[in-house]
């Protein structure tokens, strides 16, 4: 049971990290997509799209970073379950 819980928490943490970093990268790509679509637009000459995207990228990177401790807890639970299983097998053998 501990092994299953560890895997669930580990995968949830990895999912949070991938989601956060993926959305941060999407914000980064969005800057250049907008500029490539209409390079002569007024918004392209100011630094506002970069500042807004930088704030959004930072927000999503923090969300991705928040998944790291969750993944670490899941990894820790999985390692504990593996050690317990190995110890039980050793004791069963004699």
Protein backbone atom coordinates (compact mmCIF):
# COMPACT_ATOMS: atom_id res chain seq x y z
CA UNK A 1 0.00 0.00 0.00
CA UNK A 2 2.85 2.35 0.84
CA UNK A 3 4.44 1.61 -2.52
CA UNK A 4 1.25 2.55 -4.40
CA UNK A 5 0.86 5.73 -2.35
CA UNK A 6 4.49 6.62 -3.05
CA UNK A 7 4.03 6.16 -6.80
CA UNK A 8 0.84 8.23 -6.80
CA UNK A 9 2.48 11.10 -4.92
CA UNK A 10 5.62 10.86 -7.08
CA UNK A 11 3.64 11.00 -10.32
CA UNK A 12 1.51 13.86 -8.99
CA UNK A 13 4.65 15.84 -8.15
CA UNK A 14 6.17 15.15 -11.55
CA UNK A 15 2.90 16.16 -13.20
CA UNK A 16 2.88 19.46 -11.33
CA UNK A 17 6.49 20.10 -12.34
CA UNK A 18 5.86 19.29 -16.00
CA UNK A 19 2.68 21.39 -16.05
CA UNK A 20 4.37 24.43 -14.49
CA UNK A 21 7.45 24.31 -16.65
CA UNK A 22 5.42 23.58 -19.78
CA UNK A 23 3.16 26.58 -19.22
CA UNK A 24 6.19 28.76 -18.47
CA UNK A 25 7.71 27.68 -21.78
CA UNK A 26 4.40 28.34 -23.52
CA UNK A 27 4.45 31.91 -22.20
CA UNK A 28 7.99 32.33 -23.51
CA UNK A 29 7.05 31.03 -26.94
CA UNK A 30 3.94 33.23 -26.91
CA UNK A 31 6.08 36.39 -26.90
CA UNK A 32 7.77 35.51 -30.15
CA UNK A 33 4.66 34.07 -31.74
CA UNK A 34 2.84 37.38 -31.25
CA UNK A 35 5.81 39.36 -32.52
CA UNK A 36 6.23 37.13 -35.57
CA UNK A 37 2.53 37.37 -36.42
CA UNK A 38 2.52 41.19 -36.52
CA UNK A 39 6.03 42.66 -36.21
CA UNK A 40 4.92 46.24 -36.93
CA UNK A 41 2.29 46.38 -34.20
CA UNK A 42 2.57 49.04 -31.52
CA UNK A 43 2.82 46.37 -28.84
CA UNK A 44 5.89 44.96 -30.56
CA UNK A 45 7.84 48.19 -30.09
CA UNK A 46 7.29 48.44 -26.35
CA UNK A 47 8.67 46.16 -23.67
CA UNK A 48 5.23 45.44 -22.21
CA UNK A 49 4.70 41.98 -23.76
CA UNK A 50 8.07 40.85 -22.41
CA UNK A 51 7.35 42.16 -18.91
CA UNK A 52 3.92 40.53 -18.78
CA UNK A 53 5.28 37.27 -20.14
CA UNK A 54 8.17 37.36 -17.68
CA UNK A 55 5.73 37.68 -14.78
CA UNK A 56 3.66 34.81 -16.15
CA UNK A 57 6.75 32.65 -16.74
CA UNK A 58 7.92 33.28 -13.17
CA UNK A 59 4.49 32.39 -11.80
CA UNK A 60 4.40 29.08 -13.69
CA UNK A 61 8.03 28.28 -12.85
CA UNK A 62 7.17 28.68 -9.15
CA UNK A 63 4.22 26.31 -9.64
CA UNK A 64 6.59 23.83 -11.27
CA UNK A 65 9.08 24.26 -8.46
CA UNK A 66 6.33 23.55 -5.93
CA UNK A 67 5.96 20.09 -7.45
CA UNK A 68 9.56 19.16 -6.56
CA UNK A 69 8.94 18.60 -2.81
CA UNK A 70 5.81 16.58 -3.63
CA UNK A 71 7.84 14.39 -5.99
CA UNK A 72 10.59 14.06 -3.37
CA UNK A 73 8.07 12.85 -0.77
CA UNK A 74 6.70 10.32 -3.27
CA UNK A 75 10.22 9.10 -4.05
CA UNK A 76 10.97 8.81 -0.32
CA UNK A 77 7.79 6.76 0.27
CA UNK A 78 8.63 4.50 -2.67
CA UNK A 79 12.16 3.90 -1.37
CA UNK A 80 10.85 3.10 2.11
CA UNK A 81 8.35 0.62 0.65
CA UNK A 82 11.09 -1.05 -1.39
CA UNK A 83 13.36 -1.38 1.64
CA UNK A 84 10.52 -2.81 3.72
CA UNK A 85 9.73 -5.35 0.99
CA UNK A 86 13.38 -6.37 0.70
CA UNK A 87 13.67 -6.70 4.49
CA UNK A 88 10.53 -8.87 4.61
CA UNK A 89 11.91 -11.15 1.89
CA UNK A 90 15.23 -11.49 3.74
CA UNK A 91 13.47 -12.36 7.00
CA UNK A 92 11.23 -14.88 5.23
CA UNK A 93 14.22 -16.71 3.79
CA UNK A 94 15.71 -17.27 7.15
